[in-house]
Amino acid sequence: MAKVRNLSDIQQEIAFTEFDFYQRYEESFKTSELGRIKSLLPLREMTISFGLVEERPKSLRVK
């Protein structure tokens, strides 16, 4: 039977490459044609003027 190890003992051995992938994807998206278009459009202001979202979104925290 395999011995169960504490996660803190092996966390240095776990490689989280998916985070590296998403970071590289985000960086490459910003330099892509679609990313450049997105950066030029005032999308937030457009959605507010079209009435799609509120100017100040409601807080998601429960008080």
PDB file of N, CA and C in Angstrom:
ATOM      1  N   MET A   1       0.847  -1.171   0.000  1.00  0.00           N
ATOM      2  CA  MET A   1       0.000   0.000   0.000  1.00  0.00           C
ATOM      3  C   MET A   1       0.894   1.237   0.000  1.00  0.00           C
ATOM      4  N   ALA A   2       0.499   2.242  -0.819  1.00  0.00           N
ATOM      5  CA  ALA A   2       1.299   3.461  -0.937  1.00  0.00           C
ATOM      6  C   ALA A   2       1.111   4.350   0.275  1.00  0.00           C
ATOM      7  N   LYS A   3       2.187   4.966   0.679  1.00  0.00           N
ATOM      8  CA  LYS A   3       2.141   5.876   1.811  1.00  0.00           C
ATOM      9  C   LYS A   3       1.597   7.226   1.337  1.00  0.00           C
ATOM     10  N   VAL A   4       0.680   7.790   2.092  1.00  0.00           N
ATOM     11  CA  VAL A   4       0.129   9.102   1.770  1.00  0.00           C
ATOM     12  C   VAL A   4       1.088  10.154   2.290  1.00  0.00           C
ATOM     13  N   ARG A   5       1.482  11.079   1.393  1.00  0.00           N
ATOM     14  CA  ARG A   5       2.424  12.121   1.777  1.00  0.00           C
ATOM     15  C   ARG A   5       1.702  13.445   1.942  1.00  0.00           C
ATOM     16  N   ASN A   6       2.203  14.242   2.806  1.00  0.00           N
ATOM     17  CA  ASN A   6       1.663  15.573   3.019  1.00  0.00           C
ATOM     18  C   ASN A   6       1.952  16.407   1.777  1.00  0.00           C
ATOM     19  N   LEU A   7       0.962  17.184   1.316  1.00  0.00           N
ATOM     20  CA  LEU A   7       1.127  17.983   0.108  1.00  0.00           C
ATOM     21  C   LEU A   7       2.273  18.970   0.246  1.00  0.00           C
ATOM     22  N   SER A   8       2.476  19.518   1.433  1.00  0.00           N
ATOM     23  CA  SER A   8       3.555  20.484   1.616  1.00  0.00           C
ATOM     24  C   SER A   8       4.922  19.843   1.390  1.00  0.00           C
ATOM     25  N   ASP A   9       5.012  18.523   1.525  1.00  0.00           N
ATOM     26  CA  ASP A   9       6.284  17.842   1.279  1.00  0.00           C
ATOM     27  C   ASP A   9       6.611  17.752  -0.201  1.00  0.00           C
ATOM     28  N   ILE A  10       5.589  17.719  -1.043  1.00  0.00           N
ATOM     29  CA  ILE A  10       5.837  17.510  -2.473  1.00  0.00           C
ATOM     30  C   ILE A  10       5.470  18.711  -3.340  1.00  0.00           C
ATOM     31  N   GLN A  11       5.004  19.813  -2.760  1.00  0.00           N
ATOM     32  CA  GLN A  11       4.537  20.929  -3.575  1.00  0.00           C
ATOM     33  C   GLN A  11       5.642  21.515  -4.448  1.00  0.00           C
ATOM     34  N   GLN A  12       6.894  21.416  -4.054  1.00  0.00           N
ATOM     35  CA  GLN A  12       7.977  21.920  -4.883  1.00  0.00           C
ATOM     36  C   GLN A  12       8.156  21.060  -6.138  1.00  0.00           C
ATOM     37  N   GLU A  13       7.698  19.813  -6.088  1.00  0.00           N
ATOM     38  CA  GLU A  13       7.858  18.907  -7.214  1.00  0.00           C
ATOM     39  C   GLU A  13       6.747  19.043  -8.247  1.00  0.00           C
ATOM     40  N   ILE A  14       5.648  19.689  -7.881  1.00  0.00           N
ATOM     41  CA  ILE A  14       4.507  19.810  -8.786  1.00  0.00           C
ATOM     42  C   ILE A  14       4.746  20.979  -9.728  1.00  0.00           C
ATOM     43  N   ALA A  15       4.673  20.712 -11.009  1.00  0.00           N
ATOM     44  CA  ALA A  15       4.864  21.762 -12.011  1.00  0.00           C
ATOM     45  C   ALA A  15       3.503  22.236 -12.508  1.00  0.00           C
ATOM     46  N   PHE A  16       3.234  23.512 -12.385  1.00  0.00           N
ATOM     47  CA  PHE A  16       1.978  24.074 -12.844  1.00  0.00           C
ATOM     48  C   PHE A  16       2.196  24.759 -14.191  1.00  0.00           C
ATOM     49  N   THR A  17       2.387  23.976 -15.220  1.00  0.00           N
ATOM     50  CA  THR A  17       2.683  24.544 -16.534  1.00  0.00           C
ATOM     51  C   THR A  17       1.477  25.213 -17.166  1.00  0.00           C
ATOM     52  N   GLU A  18       0.260  24.855 -16.747  1.00  0.00           N
ATOM     53  CA  GLU A  18      -0.909  25.485 -17.346  1.00  0.00           C
ATOM     54  C   GLU A  18      -0.951  26.984 -17.057  1.00  0.00           C
ATOM     55  N   PHE A  19      -0.401  27.411 -15.914  1.00  0.00           N
ATOM     56  CA  PHE A  19      -0.353  28.836 -15.625  1.00  0.00           C
ATOM     57  C   PHE A  19       0.619  29.540 -16.567  1.00  0.00           C
ATOM     58  N   ASP A  20       1.735  28.904 -16.855  1.00  0.00           N
ATOM     59  CA  ASP A  20       2.682  29.459 -17.814  1.00  0.00           C
ATOM     60  C   ASP A  20       2.035  29.565 -19.185  1.00  0.00           C
ATOM     61  N   PHE A  21       1.248  28.562 -19.549  1.00  0.00           N
ATOM     62  CA  PHE A  21       0.581  28.565 -20.851  1.00  0.00           C
ATOM     63  C   PHE A  21      -0.382  29.739 -20.957  1.00  0.00           C
ATOM     64  N   TYR A  22      -1.206  29.952 -19.932  1.00  0.00           N
ATOM     65  CA  TYR A  22      -2.173  31.041 -19.979  1.00  0.00           C
ATOM     66  C   TYR A  22      -1.491  32.398 -19.966  1.00  0.00           C
ATOM     67  N   GLN A  23      -0.405  32.521 -19.249  1.00  0.00           N
ATOM     68  CA  GLN A  23       0.323  33.791 -19.230  1.00  0.00           C
ATOM     69  C   GLN A  23       0.916  34.070 -20.608  1.00  0.00           C
ATOM     70  N   ARG A  24       1.497  33.057 -21.238  1.00  0.00           N
ATOM     71  CA  ARG A  24       2.035  33.239 -22.590  1.00  0.00           C
ATOM     72  C   ARG A  24       0.923  33.542 -23.586  1.00  0.00           C
ATOM     73  N   TYR A  25      -0.227  32.889 -23.421  1.00  0.00           N
ATOM     74  CA  TYR A  25      -1.366  33.134 -24.310  1.00  0.00           C
ATOM     75  C   TYR A  25      -1.848  34.576 -24.172  1.00  0.00           C
ATOM     76  N   GLU A  26      -1.956  35.051 -22.933  1.00  0.00           N
ATOM     77  CA  GLU A  26      -2.415  36.424 -22.711  1.00  0.00           C
ATOM     78  C   GLU A  26      -1.448  37.428 -23.328  1.00  0.00           C
ATOM     79  N   GLU A  27      -0.155  37.195 -23.168  1.00  0.00           N
ATOM     80  CA  GLU A  27       0.847  38.091 -23.735  1.00  0.00           C
ATOM     81  C   GLU A  27       0.797  38.079 -25.262  1.00  0.00           C
ATOM     82  N   SER A  28       0.635  36.904 -25.857  1.00  0.00           N
ATOM     83  CA  SER A  28       0.576  36.834 -27.310  1.00  0.00           C
ATOM     84  C   SER A  28      -0.736  37.394 -27.844  1.00  0.00           C
ATOM     85  N   PHE A  29      -1.833  37.282 -27.063  1.00  0.00           N
ATOM     86  CA  PHE A  29      -3.112  37.846 -27.489  1.00  0.00           C
ATOM     87  C   PHE A  29      -3.031  39.359 -27.598  1.00  0.00           C
ATOM     88  N   LYS A  30      -2.352  39.990 -26.646  1.00  0.00           N
ATOM     89  CA  LYS A  30      -2.250  41.454 -26.663  1.00  0.00           C
ATOM     90  C   LYS A  30      -1.549  41.960 -27.919  1.00  0.00           C
ATOM     91  N   THR A  31      -0.635  41.183 -28.466  1.00  0.00           N
ATOM     92  CA  THR A  31       0.078  41.613 -29.661  1.00  0.00           C
ATOM     93  C   THR A  31      -0.569  41.111 -30.945  1.00  0.00           C
ATOM     94  N   SER A  32      -1.612  40.290 -30.823  1.00  0.00           N
ATOM     95  CA  SER A  32      -2.296  39.802 -32.018  1.00  0.00           C
ATOM     96  C   SER A  32      -3.202  40.891 -32.587  1.00  0.00           C
ATOM     97  N   GLU A  33      -3.710  40.674 -33.799  1.00  0.00           N
ATOM     98  CA  GLU A  33      -4.575  41.651 -34.437  1.00  0.00           C
ATOM     99  C   GLU A  33      -5.847  41.877 -33.616  1.00  0.00           C
ATOM    100  N   LEU A  34      -6.457  40.801 -33.148  1.00  0.00           N
ATOM    101  CA  LEU A  34      -7.668  40.923 -32.333  1.00  0.00           C
ATOM    102  C   LEU A  34      -7.384  41.629 -31.009  1.00  0.00           C
ATOM    103  N   GLY A  35      -6.253  41.341 -30.404  1.00  0.00           N
ATOM    104  CA  GLY A  35      -5.874  42.000 -29.160  1.00  0.00           C
ATOM    105  C   GLY A  35      -5.648  43.490 -29.344  1.00  0.00           C
ATOM    106  N   ARG A  36      -5.050  43.867 -30.462  1.00  0.00           N
ATOM    107  CA  ARG A  36      -4.849  45.298 -30.743  1.00  0.00           C
ATOM    108  C   ARG A  36      -6.180  45.997 -30.969  1.00  0.00           C
ATOM    109  N   ILE A  37      -7.113  45.341 -31.669  1.00  0.00           N
ATOM    110  CA  ILE A  37      -8.445  45.921 -31.881  1.00  0.00           C
ATOM    111  C   ILE A  37      -9.147  46.101 -30.546  1.00  0.00           C
ATOM    112  N   LYS A  38      -9.081  45.077 -29.692  1.00  0.00           N
ATOM    113  CA  LYS A  38      -9.720  45.145 -28.381  1.00  0.00           C
ATOM    114  C   LYS A  38      -9.154  46.293 -27.554  1.00  0.00           C
ATOM    115  N   SER A  39      -7.864  46.525 -27.641  1.00  0.00           N
ATOM    116  CA  SER A  39      -7.253  47.591 -26.853  1.00  0.00           C
ATOM    117  C   SER A  39      -7.649  48.974 -27.367  1.00  0.00           C
ATOM    118  N   LEU A  40      -8.039  49.076 -28.632  1.00  0.00           N
ATOM    119  CA  LEU A  40      -8.416  50.367 -29.198  1.00  0.00           C
ATOM    120  C   LEU A  40      -9.880  50.720 -28.981  1.00  0.00           C
ATOM    121  N   LEU A  41     -10.736  49.718 -28.788  1.00  0.00           N
ATOM    122  CA  LEU A  41     -12.165  49.970 -28.617  1.00  0.00           C
ATOM    123  C   LEU A  41     -12.490  50.279 -27.157  1.00  0.00           C
ATOM    124  N   PRO A  42     -13.319  51.300 -26.931  1.00  0.00           N
ATOM    125  CA  PRO A  42     -13.752  51.597 -25.547  1.00  0.00           C
ATOM    126  C   PRO A  42     -14.929  50.695 -25.168  1.00  0.00           C
ATOM    127  N   LEU A  43     -14.670  49.413 -24.988  1.00  0.00           N
ATOM    128  CA  LEU A  43     -15.738  48.435 -24.793  1.00  0.00           C
ATOM    129  C   LEU A  43     -16.568  48.717 -23.545  1.00  0.00           C
ATOM    130  N   ARG A  44     -15.950  49.074 -22.454  1.00  0.00           N
ATOM    131  CA  ARG A  44     -16.693  49.349 -21.208  1.00  0.00           C
ATOM    132  C   ARG A  44     -17.643  50.529 -21.410  1.00  0.00           C
ATOM    133  N   GLU A  45     -17.141  51.606 -22.003  1.00  0.00           N
ATOM    134  CA  GLU A  45     -17.969  52.783 -22.237  1.00  0.00           C
ATOM    135  C   GLU A  45     -19.099  52.472 -23.211  1.00  0.00           C
ATOM    136  N   MET A  46     -18.842  51.634 -24.204  1.00  0.00           N
ATOM    137  CA  MET A  46     -19.878  51.263 -25.167  1.00  0.00           C
ATOM    138  C   MET A  46     -20.998  50.481 -24.497  1.00  0.00           C
ATOM    139  N   THR A  47     -20.653  49.530 -23.645  1.00  0.00           N
ATOM    140  CA  THR A  47     -21.693  48.735 -22.985  1.00  0.00           C
ATOM    141  C   THR A  47     -22.530  49.586 -22.038  1.00  0.00           C
ATOM    142  N   ILE A  48     -21.909  50.571 -21.401  1.00  0.00           N
ATOM    143  CA  ILE A  48     -22.655  51.477 -20.530  1.00  0.00           C
ATOM    144  C   ILE A  48     -23.601  52.342 -21.366  1.00  0.00           C
ATOM    145  N   SER A  49     -23.111  52.896 -22.483  1.00  0.00           N
ATOM    146  CA  SER A  49     -23.957  53.764 -23.303  1.00  0.00           C
ATOM    147  C   SER A  49     -25.093  52.990 -23.969  1.00  0.00           C
ATOM    148  N   PHE A  50     -24.911  51.711 -24.253  1.00  0.00           N
ATOM    149  CA  PHE A  50     -25.972  50.891 -24.832  1.00  0.00           C
ATOM    150  C   PHE A  50     -26.942  50.382 -23.767  1.00  0.00           C
ATOM    151  N   GLY A  51     -26.624  50.605 -22.499  1.00  0.00           N
ATOM    152  CA  GLY A  51     -27.484  50.170 -21.411  1.00  0.00           C
ATOM    153  C   GLY A  51     -27.368  48.689 -21.099  1.00  0.00           C
ATOM    154  N   LEU A  52     -26.257  48.087 -21.475  1.00  0.00           N
ATOM    155  CA  LEU A  52     -26.069  46.657 -21.246  1.00  0.00           C
ATOM    156  C   LEU A  52     -25.581  46.350 -19.836  1.00  0.00           C
ATOM    157  N   VAL A  53     -24.854  47.285 -19.246  1.00  0.00           N
ATOM    158  CA  VAL A  53     -24.362  47.122 -17.875  1.00  0.00           C
ATOM    159  C   VAL A  53     -24.547  48.437 -17.134  1.00  0.00           C
ATOM    160  N   GLU A  54     -24.521  48.362 -15.813  1.00  0.00           N
ATOM    161  CA  GLU A  54     -24.587  49.565 -14.994  1.00  0.00           C
ATOM    162  C   GLU A  54     -23.216  50.223 -14.950  1.00  0.00           C
ATOM    163  N   GLU A  55     -23.226  51.522 -14.748  1.00  0.00           N
ATOM    164  CA  GLU A  55     -21.957  52.242 -14.701  1.00  0.00           C
ATOM    165  C   GLU A  55     -21.119  51.778 -13.510  1.00  0.00           C
ATOM    166  N   ARG A  56     -21.778  51.600 -12.378  1.00  0.00           N
ATOM    167  CA  ARG A  56     -21.098  51.077 -11.194  1.00  0.00           C
ATOM    168  C   ARG A  56     -21.752  49.755 -10.842  1.00  0.00           C
ATOM    169  N   PRO A  57     -21.089  48.649 -11.114  1.00  0.00           N
ATOM    170  CA  PRO A  57     -21.716  47.354 -10.838  1.00  0.00           C
ATOM    171  C   PRO A  57     -21.981  47.174  -9.341  1.00  0.00           C
ATOM    172  N   LYS A  58     -23.032  46.443  -9.066  1.00  0.00           N
ATOM    173  CA  LYS A  58     -23.373  46.164  -7.672  1.00  0.00           C
ATOM    174  C   LYS A  58     -22.282  45.303  -7.045  1.00  0.00           C
ATOM    175  N   SER A  59     -22.045  45.531  -5.786  1.00  0.00           N
ATOM    176  CA  SER A  59     -21.043  44.750  -5.076  1.00  0.00           C
ATOM    177  C   SER A  59     -21.519  43.310  -4.935  1.00  0.00           C
ATOM    178  N   LEU A  60     -20.631  42.384  -5.126  1.00  0.00           N
ATOM    179  CA  LEU A  60     -20.963  40.968  -4.999  1.00  0.00           C
ATOM    180  C   LEU A  60     -20.842  40.477  -3.566  1.00  0.00           C
ATOM    181  N   ARG A  61     -20.296  41.320  -2.712  1.00  0.00           N
ATOM    182  CA  ARG A  61     -20.115  40.918  -1.311  1.00  0.00           C
ATOM    183  C   ARG A  61     -21.431  40.979  -0.552  1.00  0.00           C
ATOM    184  N   VAL A  62     -21.613  40.020   0.310  1.00  0.00           N
ATOM    185  CA  VAL A  62     -22.792  39.988   1.163  1.00  0.00           C
ATOM    186  C   VAL A  62     -22.455  40.748   2.437  1.00  0.00           C
ATOM    187  N   LYS A  63     -23.279  41.722   2.764  1.00  0.00           N
ATOM    188  CA  LYS A  63     -23.000  42.522   3.970  1.00  0.00           C
ATOM    189  C   LYS A  63     -23.782  42.027   5.142  1.00  0.00           C
TER     190      LYS A  63
END
